[in-house]
Amino acid sequence: MHHGRFKLERAVFAALVAALSTTAGAQSYPAKPIRLVVPLAPGGGGDIVARIIGQKISEPLGQAVIVDNRPGGSTIIGTELVARSAPDGYTLVMATSSHGINPSLYKLPFDPIKDFTPVCFFATSPMMLTVHPNVPAKTVKDLIAVAKANPGKLNYASSGTASIVHLAGELFNVSAGVKTVHIPYKGTGPALNDLLGGQIDMMFASPVPTIPHVKAGKLRAIAMASTQRSPAMPDLPTVAEGGLPGFEAATYFIVLGPANMPAAVVSRLNGEMIKAAQLPDVNERLSTQGATVVGGTPQQALAHIETEIARWAKVVKAAGVKGEQ
């Protein structure tokens, strides 16, 4: 009888110690620098947003946030690194649109949902549909009419096969029932150059490099591929307003950690990131880049990734898109 009671007391004591150490661990977090992996090359949207976050949360956390660029393999290399890291809050990843697109194209070495802990849905950045001024279209309806009258004649550029820019073009084809031809480039820069030169007719691209050319009259903006109008271009209608309801093609900036991170650590990180998202200078800097701050919960982050995986799976299947191996 005493032996059984002793075992029970020992079990209760062990549980109490575990609970206290978890609480103490969360309270002392972070005790060392945090690494935020960006699975993309420096200079792009994901990298810029990661550096903004890192800079703004390092002071309140009392530790440096080191941005670690690990490009390659359609973001799979850097993302896998984080999936396999200890779930202690010291290794995080900046997930962008590829996180929701890749599951439909590749056999991934990780599960995009189960192998991660959502931390914060920081911001979203819609694609903007622009055309060369030679294209006789000023609205989405005009562009669909031109495409229907000239099947297979209009072409669109992308920053690479299976990128959000490519799939936005395929979503347009599928949604509008038209056939425009995909011309892949190695990056947004060269694609934009050929669009400016008139070798390319149209392109969905980030507003950041595109807006200056629209304002200079070298390109014509047709619509924003977002659910609401962008503060960066308030007079520009959305693709949905132009006659394709539900049309959305946006990259997003969601911070994830490995699966099974302590809830208290997630809560601490999310709280600091939301505070950072609400700072006027962060809002201003992101809105000039055509991005909208979300400052969302882990639950919102998870729901958004699940929606994106389902959205792009349909487009990939309907358009017969293949990933580059």
Protein backbone atom coordinates (compact mmCIF):
# COMPACT_ATOMS: atom_id res chain seq x y z
CA MET A 1 0.00 0.00 0.00
CA HIS A 2 2.76 2.44 1.04
CA HIS A 3 4.75 1.43 -2.05
CA GLY A 4 1.83 2.41 -4.33
CA ARG A 5 1.42 5.74 -2.55
CA PHE A 6 5.15 6.43 -2.85
CA LYS A 7 5.00 5.78 -6.63
CA LEU A 8 2.04 8.13 -6.96
CA GLU A 9 3.77 10.87 -4.94
CA ARG A 10 6.90 10.48 -7.03
CA ALA A 11 4.84 10.77 -10.26
CA VAL A 12 3.09 13.92 -8.98
CA PHE A 13 6.45 15.42 -7.95
CA ALA A 14 7.95 14.64 -11.40
CA ALA A 15 4.95 16.27 -13.14
CA LEU A 16 5.28 19.33 -10.91
CA VAL A 17 9.00 19.70 -11.65
CA ALA A 18 8.31 19.34 -15.42
CA ALA A 19 5.58 21.99 -15.26
CA LEU A 20 7.78 24.40 -13.29
CA SER A 21 10.75 23.92 -15.59
CA THR A 22 8.57 24.56 -18.67
CA THR A 23 7.27 27.80 -17.10
CA ALA A 24 10.77 28.83 -16.04
CA GLY A 25 12.05 28.01 -19.54
CA ALA A 26 9.39 30.23 -21.11
CA GLN A 27 10.11 33.05 -18.64
CA SER A 28 13.86 32.92 -19.30
CA TYR A 29 13.28 32.72 -23.08
CA PRO A 30 15.18 33.87 -25.03
CA ALA A 31 18.51 33.17 -23.36
CA LYS A 32 20.52 33.30 -26.61
CA PRO A 33 20.22 34.76 -30.14
CA ILE A 34 17.34 33.61 -32.35
CA ARG A 35 17.93 32.52 -35.94
CA LEU A 36 15.29 33.48 -38.52
CA VAL A 37 15.93 31.43 -41.65
CA VAL A 38 14.90 33.01 -44.96
CA PRO A 39 14.80 30.23 -47.59
CA LEU A 40 15.32 32.83 -50.33
CA ALA A 41 18.15 34.98 -51.67
CA PRO A 42 18.83 38.37 -50.02
CA GLY A 43 16.95 41.41 -51.32
CA GLY A 44 13.51 39.92 -52.01
CA GLY A 45 10.26 40.54 -50.13
CA GLY A 46 10.73 37.66 -47.65
CA ASP A 47 14.23 38.85 -46.81
CA ILE A 48 13.16 42.50 -46.36
CA VAL A 49 10.25 41.57 -44.06
CA ALA A 50 12.42 39.15 -42.04
CA ARG A 51 14.98 41.90 -41.44
CA ILE A 52 12.26 44.36 -40.37
CA ILE A 53 10.89 41.79 -37.88
CA GLY A 54 14.36 40.86 -36.63
CA GLN A 55 15.32 44.47 -36.03
CA LYS A 56 12.07 45.36 -34.23
CA ILE A 57 11.76 42.36 -31.88
CA SER A 58 15.43 42.00 -30.86
CA GLU A 59 15.34 44.90 -28.37
CA PRO A 60 12.20 43.86 -26.43
CA LEU A 61 13.38 40.23 -26.41
CA GLY A 62 16.85 41.27 -25.24
CA GLN A 63 18.55 39.05 -27.83
CA ALA A 64 19.80 39.46 -31.39
CA VAL A 65 17.66 38.02 -34.18
CA ILE A 66 19.99 36.76 -36.90
CA VAL A 67 18.55 36.55 -40.42
CA ASP A 68 20.06 33.50 -42.15
CA ASN A 69 19.52 33.33 -45.94
CA ARG A 70 19.38 29.71 -47.16
CA PRO A 71 18.16 29.93 -50.78
CA GLY A 72 17.72 26.98 -53.10
CA GLY A 73 15.39 24.14 -54.01
CA SER A 74 12.28 26.35 -54.34
CA THR A 75 12.65 27.30 -50.62
CA ILE A 76 12.70 23.60 -49.64
CA ILE A 77 16.33 23.58 -48.41
CA GLY A 78 15.96 26.33 -45.80
CA THR A 79 12.49 25.20 -44.75
CA GLU A 80 13.63 21.61 -44.16
CA LEU A 81 16.48 22.90 -41.99
CA VAL A 82 13.94 24.50 -39.64
CA ALA A 83 11.57 21.48 -39.69
CA ARG A 84 14.46 19.36 -38.37
CA SER A 85 15.59 21.88 -35.71
CA ALA A 86 14.90 21.66 -31.97
CA PRO A 87 11.45 23.15 -31.17
CA ASP A 88 12.86 25.54 -28.58
CA GLY A 89 12.07 28.86 -30.29
CA TYR A 90 15.66 29.56 -31.37
CA THR A 91 15.23 28.54 -35.03
CA LEU A 92 12.36 30.00 -37.08
CA VAL A 93 11.58 30.27 -40.79
CA MET A 94 9.99 33.02 -42.91
CA ALA A 95 7.39 31.15 -44.98
CA THR A 96 6.15 32.78 -48.21
CA SER A 97 3.87 31.69 -51.07
CA SER A 98 6.13 28.75 -51.99
CA HIS A 99 5.15 27.06 -48.71
CA GLY A 100 1.60 26.72 -50.04
CA ILE A 101 2.55 25.98 -53.66
CA ASN A 102 5.31 23.36 -53.21
CA PRO A 103 3.10 20.56 -51.80
CA SER A 104 1.32 20.30 -55.18
CA LEU A 105 4.57 20.15 -57.15
CA TYR A 106 7.18 18.25 -55.17
CA LYS A 107 7.59 15.25 -52.90
CA LEU A 108 8.61 17.26 -49.84
CA PRO A 109 10.98 16.03 -47.10
CA PHE A 110 8.55 17.51 -44.53
CA ASP A 111 4.83 18.04 -43.99
CA PRO A 112 4.05 21.76 -44.57
CA ILE A 113 1.46 21.73 -41.74
CA LYS A 114 2.34 18.98 -39.24
CA ASP A 115 6.09 19.62 -39.09
CA PHE A 116 5.72 23.28 -38.11
CA THR A 117 4.35 25.49 -35.34
CA PRO A 118 2.67 28.67 -36.65
CA VAL A 119 3.98 31.76 -34.85
CA CYS A 120 2.70 34.90 -36.62
CA PHE A 121 0.92 35.88 -39.84
CA PHE A 122 2.89 39.12 -40.29
CA ALA A 123 1.91 40.59 -43.68
CA THR A 124 0.60 39.88 -47.15
CA SER A 125 1.63 41.31 -50.53
CA PRO A 126 -0.70 40.92 -53.54
CA MET A 127 0.47 40.54 -57.12
CA MET A 128 -0.36 43.40 -59.50
CA LEU A 129 -1.45 42.68 -63.07
CA THR A 130 0.27 45.00 -65.53
CA VAL A 131 0.43 45.09 -69.32
CA HIS A 132 2.70 46.75 -71.86
CA PRO A 133 1.00 49.91 -73.23
CA ASN A 134 0.80 48.25 -76.69
CA VAL A 135 -1.83 45.82 -75.34
CA PRO A 136 -5.27 47.36 -76.11
CA ALA A 137 -6.73 46.75 -72.63
CA LYS A 138 -7.39 49.02 -69.68
CA THR A 139 -9.53 46.71 -67.53
CA VAL A 140 -9.72 43.01 -66.67
CA LYS A 141 -12.80 42.69 -68.94
CA ASP A 142 -10.85 44.30 -71.83
CA LEU A 143 -7.92 41.93 -71.29
CA ILE A 144 -10.16 38.84 -71.24
CA ALA A 145 -11.81 40.03 -74.48
CA VAL A 146 -8.40 40.53 -76.17
CA ALA A 147 -7.21 37.10 -74.96
CA LYS A 148 -10.40 35.40 -76.20
CA ALA A 149 -10.14 37.09 -79.60
CA ASN A 150 -6.47 36.02 -79.92
CA PRO A 151 -6.10 32.57 -78.30
CA GLY A 152 -2.46 31.66 -77.64
CA LYS A 153 -1.21 35.06 -78.92
CA LEU A 154 -0.83 36.98 -75.63
CA ASN A 155 2.11 35.96 -73.44
CA TYR A 156 2.93 36.58 -69.80
CA ALA A 157 6.24 36.56 -67.97
CA SER A 158 7.08 34.98 -64.64
CA SER A 159 10.04 35.03 -62.28
CA GLY A 160 10.35 31.26 -62.74
CA THR A 161 8.33 28.09 -63.25
CA ALA A 162 5.99 27.29 -60.32
CA SER A 163 6.54 30.71 -58.70
CA ILE A 164 3.54 32.67 -57.39
CA VAL A 165 3.99 34.93 -60.45
CA HIS A 166 3.65 31.93 -62.81
CA LEU A 167 0.67 30.44 -60.96
CA ALA A 168 -1.12 33.81 -60.85
CA GLY A 169 -0.99 33.78 -64.66
CA GLU A 170 -2.33 30.22 -64.77
CA LEU A 171 -5.08 31.14 -62.28
CA PHE A 172 -6.04 33.94 -64.69
CA ASN A 173 -6.18 31.48 -67.62
CA VAL A 174 -8.28 28.98 -65.65
CA SER A 175 -10.61 31.61 -64.10
CA ALA A 176 -11.19 33.59 -67.31
CA GLY A 177 -11.27 30.57 -69.65
CA VAL A 178 -8.48 31.97 -71.84
CA LYS A 179 -5.14 30.74 -73.12
CA THR A 180 -2.16 33.03 -72.62
CA VAL A 181 1.38 31.66 -72.99
CA HIS A 182 3.81 31.42 -70.08
CA ILE A 183 7.39 32.69 -70.60
CA PRO A 184 9.55 31.87 -67.54
CA TYR A 185 12.57 33.98 -66.56
CA LYS A 186 15.22 33.63 -63.89
CA GLY A 187 13.90 36.27 -61.54
CA THR A 188 11.51 39.24 -61.61
CA GLY A 189 14.18 41.71 -62.87
CA PRO A 190 14.80 40.16 -66.32
CA ALA A 191 11.06 39.44 -66.76
CA LEU A 192 10.19 43.05 -66.00
CA ASN A 193 12.85 44.30 -68.44
CA ASP A 194 11.26 42.35 -71.30
CA LEU A 195 7.79 43.53 -70.28
CA LEU A 196 9.08 47.13 -70.43
CA GLY A 197 10.67 46.41 -73.81
CA GLY A 198 7.42 45.06 -75.24
CA GLN A 199 8.70 41.49 -75.81
CA ILE A 200 6.19 40.45 -73.13
CA ASP A 201 2.51 41.47 -73.09
CA MET A 202 1.52 41.06 -69.45
CA MET A 203 2.69 39.98 -66.03
CA PHE A 204 1.52 39.49 -62.46
CA ALA A 205 4.29 40.88 -60.28
CA SER A 206 5.01 42.35 -56.88
CA PRO A 207 3.97 46.03 -56.77
CA VAL A 208 7.38 46.96 -55.33
CA PRO A 209 9.42 46.98 -58.57
CA THR A 210 6.36 47.60 -60.78
CA ILE A 211 4.65 50.71 -59.37
CA PRO A 212 7.47 53.14 -60.39
CA HIS A 213 7.13 52.02 -64.05
CA VAL A 214 3.33 52.40 -63.90
CA LYS A 215 3.70 55.93 -62.49
CA ALA A 216 6.22 56.75 -65.23
CA GLY A 217 3.70 55.60 -67.89
CA LYS A 218 5.94 52.75 -69.12
CA LEU A 219 3.48 50.06 -67.99
CA ARG A 220 -0.29 50.04 -67.53
CA ALA A 221 -1.72 48.65 -64.28
CA ILE A 222 -4.88 46.63 -64.87
CA ALA A 223 -5.79 45.28 -61.42
CA MET A 224 -4.56 44.13 -58.02
CA ALA A 225 -4.87 40.40 -57.27
CA SER A 226 -6.04 40.94 -53.68
CA THR A 227 -9.34 40.66 -51.81
CA GLN A 228 -9.33 44.42 -51.14
CA ARG A 229 -7.79 47.41 -52.90
CA SER A 230 -4.19 48.15 -51.99
CA PRO A 231 -3.35 51.28 -49.96
CA ALA A 232 -0.37 51.69 -52.32
CA MET A 233 -2.74 52.01 -55.35
CA PRO A 234 -6.21 52.87 -53.94
CA ASP A 235 -7.69 53.79 -57.35
CA LEU A 236 -6.73 50.45 -58.90
CA PRO A 237 -9.59 47.89 -58.83
CA THR A 238 -9.06 44.26 -57.82
CA VAL A 239 -9.19 41.40 -60.34
CA ALA A 240 -12.36 40.23 -58.54
CA GLU A 241 -13.99 43.65 -59.10
CA GLY A 242 -13.02 43.28 -62.77
CA GLY A 243 -15.20 40.20 -63.16
CA LEU A 244 -13.30 37.22 -61.71
CA PRO A 245 -14.85 36.76 -58.24
CA GLY A 246 -12.66 35.21 -55.55
CA PHE A 247 -9.46 35.80 -57.56
CA GLU A 248 -6.51 36.19 -55.22
CA ALA A 249 -2.78 35.79 -55.81
CA ALA A 250 -0.61 37.19 -53.07
CA THR A 251 2.57 36.24 -51.37
CA TYR A 252 2.52 36.25 -47.59
CA PHE A 253 5.00 36.51 -44.77
CA ILE A 254 4.31 33.96 -42.04
CA VAL A 255 6.80 33.05 -39.32
CA LEU A 256 6.90 29.35 -38.44
CA GLY A 257 8.94 27.25 -36.03
CA PRO A 258 9.46 23.48 -35.81
CA ALA A 259 6.52 21.33 -34.60
CA ASN A 260 5.84 21.12 -30.84
CA MET A 261 7.18 24.51 -29.75
CA PRO A 262 6.15 25.44 -26.17
CA ALA A 263 2.93 27.49 -26.15
CA ALA A 264 4.47 30.11 -23.86
CA VAL A 265 7.37 30.69 -26.28
CA VAL A 266 4.98 30.98 -29.25
CA SER A 267 2.86 33.45 -27.29
CA ARG A 268 5.93 35.58 -26.42
CA LEU A 269 7.16 35.68 -30.02
CA ASN A 270 3.69 36.34 -31.44
CA GLY A 271 3.12 39.19 -28.97
CA GLU A 272 6.37 40.94 -29.90
CA MET A 273 5.78 40.45 -33.63
CA ILE A 274 2.26 41.88 -33.42
CA LYS A 275 3.62 44.91 -31.53
CA ALA A 276 6.25 45.33 -34.27
CA ALA A 277 3.58 45.06 -36.98
CA GLN A 278 1.62 47.93 -35.39
CA LEU A 279 4.54 50.38 -35.37
CA PRO A 280 3.86 53.34 -37.72
CA ASP A 281 7.29 53.12 -39.41
CA VAL A 282 6.80 49.38 -40.12
CA ASN A 283 3.34 50.04 -41.57
CA GLU A 284 4.67 52.86 -43.72
CA ARG A 285 7.67 50.90 -44.97
CA LEU A 286 5.56 47.85 -45.90
CA SER A 287 2.76 49.85 -47.53
CA THR A 288 5.25 51.62 -49.82
CA GLN A 289 6.29 48.09 -50.86
CA GLY A 290 2.65 47.25 -51.66
CA ALA A 291 2.34 44.97 -48.62
CA THR A 292 -0.40 45.04 -45.99
CA VAL A 293 0.36 44.30 -42.35
CA VAL A 294 -1.81 41.52 -40.89
CA GLY A 295 -0.23 41.07 -37.44
CA GLY A 296 -2.19 37.87 -37.03
CA THR A 297 -2.44 34.99 -34.57
CA PRO A 298 -0.89 31.53 -35.00
CA GLN A 299 -4.40 30.23 -35.77
CA GLN A 300 -4.81 32.75 -38.61
CA ALA A 301 -1.39 31.75 -39.96
CA LEU A 302 -2.32 28.06 -39.99
CA ALA A 303 -5.72 28.68 -41.60
CA HIS A 304 -4.12 30.83 -44.33
CA ILE A 305 -1.51 28.20 -45.21
CA GLU A 306 -4.20 25.49 -45.41
CA THR A 307 -6.30 27.71 -47.72
CA GLU A 308 -3.29 28.44 -49.93
CA ILE A 309 -2.33 24.74 -50.24
CA ALA A 310 -5.90 23.96 -51.40
CA ARG A 311 -6.06 26.98 -53.77
CA TRP A 312 -2.82 26.23 -55.63
CA ALA A 313 -3.43 22.47 -55.75
CA LYS A 314 -6.52 23.20 -57.91
CA VAL A 315 -4.61 25.58 -60.19
CA VAL A 316 -1.62 23.22 -60.59
CA LYS A 317 -3.98 20.35 -61.50
CA ALA A 318 -6.17 22.40 -63.88
CA ALA A 319 -3.19 23.96 -65.67
CA GLY A 320 -0.97 20.84 -65.62
CA VAL A 321 1.94 22.76 -64.08
CA LYS A 322 5.10 20.76 -63.33
CA GLY A 323 7.77 21.79 -60.81
CA GLU A 324 11.39 22.19 -61.89
CA GLN A 325 13.50 19.35 -60.48
